[in-house]
C-alpha atoms as a PDB file:
ATOM      1  CA  MET A   1      93.933 -36.850  25.754  1.00  0.00           C
ATOM      2  CA  GLU A   2      98.470 -37.705  24.397  1.00  0.00           C
ATOM      3  CA  ARG A   3      99.473 -36.294  21.352  1.00  0.00           C
ATOM      4  CA  THR A   4     103.201 -37.155  19.629  1.00  0.00           C
ATOM      5  CA  LYS A   5     104.550 -35.083  16.524  1.00  0.00           C
ATOM      6  CA  ILE A   6     104.321 -37.310  13.593  1.00  0.00           C
ATOM      7  CA  LYS A   7     108.230 -37.267  11.580  1.00  0.00           C
ATOM      8  CA  ARG A   8     108.438 -37.018   8.294  1.00  0.00           C
ATOM      9  CA  ILE A   9     110.709 -39.977   6.809  1.00  0.00           C
ATOM     10  CA  LEU A  10     112.075 -37.915   3.732  1.00  0.00           C
ATOM     11  CA  SER A  11     109.791 -34.693   2.438  1.00  0.00           C
ATOM     12  CA  ALA A  12     108.027 -35.560  -0.330  1.00  0.00           C
ATOM     13  CA  ILE A  13     107.485 -32.104  -2.071  1.00  0.00           C
ATOM     14  CA  GLU A  14     110.737 -33.025  -3.057  1.00  0.00           C
ATOM     15  CA  PHE A  15     109.855 -35.808  -5.409  1.00  0.00           C
ATOM     16  CA  HIS A  16     106.434 -33.254  -7.206  1.00  0.00           C
ATOM     17  CA  GLN A  17     109.612 -31.796  -9.632  1.00  0.00           C
ATOM     18  CA  ILE A  18     110.329 -35.221 -11.089  1.00  0.00           C
ATOM     19  CA  ASN A  19     106.294 -36.788 -10.881  1.00  0.00           C
ATOM     20  CA  GLU A  20     106.618 -36.782 -14.855  1.00  0.00           C
ATOM     21  CA  ILE A  21     109.679 -39.074 -14.620  1.00  0.00           C
ATOM     22  CA  LEU A  22     108.108 -41.034 -12.310  1.00  0.00           C
ATOM     23  CA  LEU A  23     104.940 -41.795 -14.218  1.00  0.00           C
ATOM     24  CA  ARG A  24     106.857 -42.681 -17.679  1.00  0.00           C
ATOM     25  CA  GLU A  25     109.116 -45.547 -17.890  1.00  0.00           C
ATOM     26  CA  ILE A  26     111.946 -45.442 -17.208  1.00  0.00           C
ATOM     27  CA  ASN A  27     114.734 -46.698 -18.862  1.00  0.00           C
ATOM     28  CA  PHE A  28     116.671 -48.911 -15.882  1.00  0.00           C
ATOM     29  CA  PRO A  29     118.841 -49.338 -14.625  1.00  0.00           C
ATOM     30  CA  ILE A  30     119.123 -45.647 -13.337  1.00  0.00           C
ATOM     31  CA  GLU A  31     122.794 -44.898 -11.825  1.00  0.00           C
ATOM     32  CA  GLY A  32     122.477 -41.582  -8.875  1.00  0.00           C
ATOM     33  CA  GLU A  33     124.465 -40.356  -6.371  1.00  0.00           C
ATOM     34  CA  GLY A  34     122.897 -38.186  -3.514  1.00  0.00           C
ATOM     35  CA  ILE A  35     124.845 -36.082  -0.698  1.00  0.00           C
ATOM     36  CA  TYR A  36     122.766 -35.556   2.690  1.00  0.00           C
ATOM     37  CA  ILE A  37     124.059 -32.778   5.568  1.00  0.00           C
ATOM     38  CA  LYS A  38     122.524 -32.649   8.378  1.00  0.00           C
ATOM     39  CA  HIS A  39     120.667 -29.130  10.094  1.00  0.00           C
ATOM     40  CA  ALA A  40     121.921 -28.899  12.630  1.00  0.00           C
ATOM     41  CA  GLY A  41     125.870 -29.489  10.565  1.00  0.00           C
ATOM     42  CA  THR A  42     126.947 -32.225  13.179  1.00  0.00           C
ATOM     43  CA  HIS A  43     127.400 -35.256  10.216  1.00  0.00           C
ATOM     44  CA  TYR A  44     127.003 -35.484   6.424  1.00  0.00           C
ATOM     45  CA  GLY A  45     126.752 -38.789   4.195  1.00  0.00           C
ATOM     46  CA  HIS A  46     126.333 -40.115   0.694  1.00  0.00           C
ATOM     47  CA  VAL A  47     125.631 -42.865  -0.887  1.00  0.00           C
ATOM     48  CA  LYS A  48     126.187 -44.211  -4.805  1.00  0.00           C
ATOM     49  CA  ILE A  49     123.317 -46.243  -5.787  1.00  0.00           C
ATOM     50  CA  GLN A  50     121.658 -48.451  -8.871  1.00  0.00           C
ATOM     51  CA  ILE A  51     117.824 -49.196  -9.693  1.00  0.00           C
ATOM     52  CA  SER A  52     117.686 -51.845 -11.857  1.00  0.00           C
ATOM     53  CA  GLU A  53     114.156 -53.198 -12.265  1.00  0.00           C
ATOM     54  CA  LYS A  54     113.436 -56.909 -10.610  1.00  0.00           C
ATOM     55  CA  THR A  55     111.600 -59.062 -12.876  1.00  0.00           C
ATOM     56  CA  GLU A  56     110.256 -62.049 -11.115  1.00  0.00           C
ATOM     57  CA  LEU A  57     107.519 -61.512  -8.268  1.00  0.00           C
ATOM     58  CA  GLY A  58     108.535 -60.578  -5.154  1.00  0.00           C
ATOM     59  CA  SER A  59     109.845 -57.565  -3.022  1.00  0.00           C
ATOM     60  CA  SER A  60     112.126 -55.302  -3.534  1.00  0.00           C
ATOM     61  CA  ILE A  61     116.024 -55.853  -2.793  1.00  0.00           C
ATOM     62  CA  CYS A  62     118.611 -53.649  -1.376  1.00  0.00           C
ATOM     63  CA  ASN A  63     122.211 -55.249  -2.121  1.00  0.00           C
ATOM     64  CA  TRP A  64     125.109 -54.049  -0.261  1.00  0.00           C
ATOM     65  CA  TYR A  65     127.951 -54.388  -2.488  1.00  0.00           C
ATOM     66  CA  LEU A  66     130.312 -52.792   0.310  1.00  0.00           C
ATOM     67  CA  THR A  67     131.811 -54.645   3.543  1.00  0.00           C
ATOM     68  CA  GLU A  68     131.130 -54.475   6.850  1.00  0.00           C
ATOM     69  CA  GLU A  69     133.930 -52.755   7.302  1.00  0.00           C
ATOM     70  CA  GLU A  70     133.016 -49.407   4.109  1.00  0.00           C
ATOM     71  CA  PHE A  71     129.651 -49.345   5.924  1.00  0.00           C
ATOM     72  CA  PRO A  72     128.711 -50.899   8.983  1.00  0.00           C
ATOM     73  CA  LYS A  73     125.644 -52.452  10.060  1.00  0.00           C
ATOM     74  CA  GLY A  74     123.668 -50.471  12.139  1.00  0.00           C
ATOM     75  CA  VAL A  75     121.919 -47.411  12.082  1.00  0.00           C
ATOM     76  CA  TYR A  76     123.781 -45.638   9.232  1.00  0.00           C
ATOM     77  CA  ARG A  77     121.819 -48.605   6.605  1.00  0.00           C
ATOM     78  CA  GLU A  78     118.778 -48.262   8.119  1.00  0.00           C
ATOM     79  CA  ALA A  79     118.406 -44.897   7.077  1.00  0.00           C
ATOM     80  CA  ILE A  80     119.328 -46.068   3.483  1.00  0.00           C
ATOM     81  CA  GLU A  81     116.580 -49.055   3.753  1.00  0.00           C
ATOM     82  CA  LYS A  82     114.118 -46.480   5.300  1.00  0.00           C
ATOM     83  CA  VAL A  83     114.306 -43.969   2.857  1.00  0.00           C
ATOM     84  CA  LEU A  84     114.495 -46.369  -0.460  1.00  0.00           C
ATOM     85  CA  SER A  85     111.204 -48.371   1.534  1.00  0.00           C
ATOM     86  CA  PHE A  86     109.788 -44.512   1.137  1.00  0.00           C
ATOM     87  CA  PHE A  87     111.260 -44.706  -2.254  1.00  0.00           C
ATOM     88  CA  ILE A  88     108.795 -47.722  -3.346  1.00  0.00           C
ATOM     89  CA  SER A  89     105.650 -46.416  -1.865  1.00  0.00           C
ATOM     90  CA  TYR A  90     105.558 -43.164  -2.851  1.00  0.00           C
ATOM     91  CA  LEU A  91     106.593 -44.417  -6.865  1.00  0.00           C
ATOM     92  CA  GLU A  92     103.453 -47.151  -6.394  1.00  0.00           C
ATOM     93  CA  ALA A  93     101.286 -44.291  -5.329  1.00  0.00           C
ATOM     94  CA  ILE A  94     102.088 -42.151  -8.567  1.00  0.00           C
ATOM     95  CA  ARG A  95     101.430 -44.775  -9.934  1.00  0.00           C
ATOM     96  CA  GLY A  96      98.850 -46.926  -9.275  1.00  0.00           C
ATOM     97  CA  GLU A  97     100.742 -50.239  -9.668  1.00  0.00           C
ATOM     98  CA  ARG A  98     103.007 -52.662  -7.302  1.00  0.00           C
ATOM     99  CA  VAL A  99     106.959 -51.909  -8.341  1.00  0.00           C
ATOM    100  CA  ASN A 100     109.338 -54.150  -7.151  1.00  0.00           C
ATOM    101  CA  ILE A 101     113.059 -52.864  -7.924  1.00  0.00           C
ATOM    102  CA  TYR A 102     117.055 -53.890  -7.006  1.00  0.00           C
ATOM    103  CA  PHE A 103     119.049 -50.666  -4.614  1.00  0.00           C
ATOM    104  CA  ASP A 104     122.208 -51.641  -5.326  1.00  0.00           C
ATOM    105  CA  ILE A 105     124.189 -49.611  -3.164  1.00  0.00           C
ATOM    106  CA  LEU A 106     127.578 -49.556  -5.150  1.00  0.00           C
ATOM    107  CA  ASP A 107     129.349 -46.796  -2.032  1.00  0.00           C
ATOM    108  CA  ALA A 108     127.861 -45.185   0.540  1.00  0.00           C
ATOM    109  CA  THR A 109     129.570 -42.892   3.192  1.00  0.00           C
ATOM    110  CA  PHE A 110     129.351 -41.295   6.988  1.00  0.00           C
ATOM    111  CA  HIS A 111     131.194 -38.759   8.291  1.00  0.00           C
ATOM    112  CA  PRO A 112     130.680 -36.471  11.084  1.00  0.00           C
ATOM    113  CA  VAL A 113     131.470 -32.615  10.681  1.00  0.00           C
ATOM    114  CA  ASP A 114     134.861 -31.697  12.522  1.00  0.00           C
END
């Protein structure tokens, strides 16, 4: 028998406090800003995002309003997209319906701690 550890993308319990808001009709667009600090204190990140309803059929879309010099493609963008994917799945699970959203990344930074 092989055992592997299952990693959490994001602790779903963090969304519990806003479940009622997520279940109601959302007045789009919504703009927000978040900061992430790694537990070991080795780096931190920040993202400013606008979420809008996507009325046409198809997948949710992430629009990056940053140049590659401002926020390089790679592991950090992938991390943000992984969290957005989790958010869509979570929202669909608690609503019981498909959700199509535009995510506009207005600003993002990543910094190793000195």
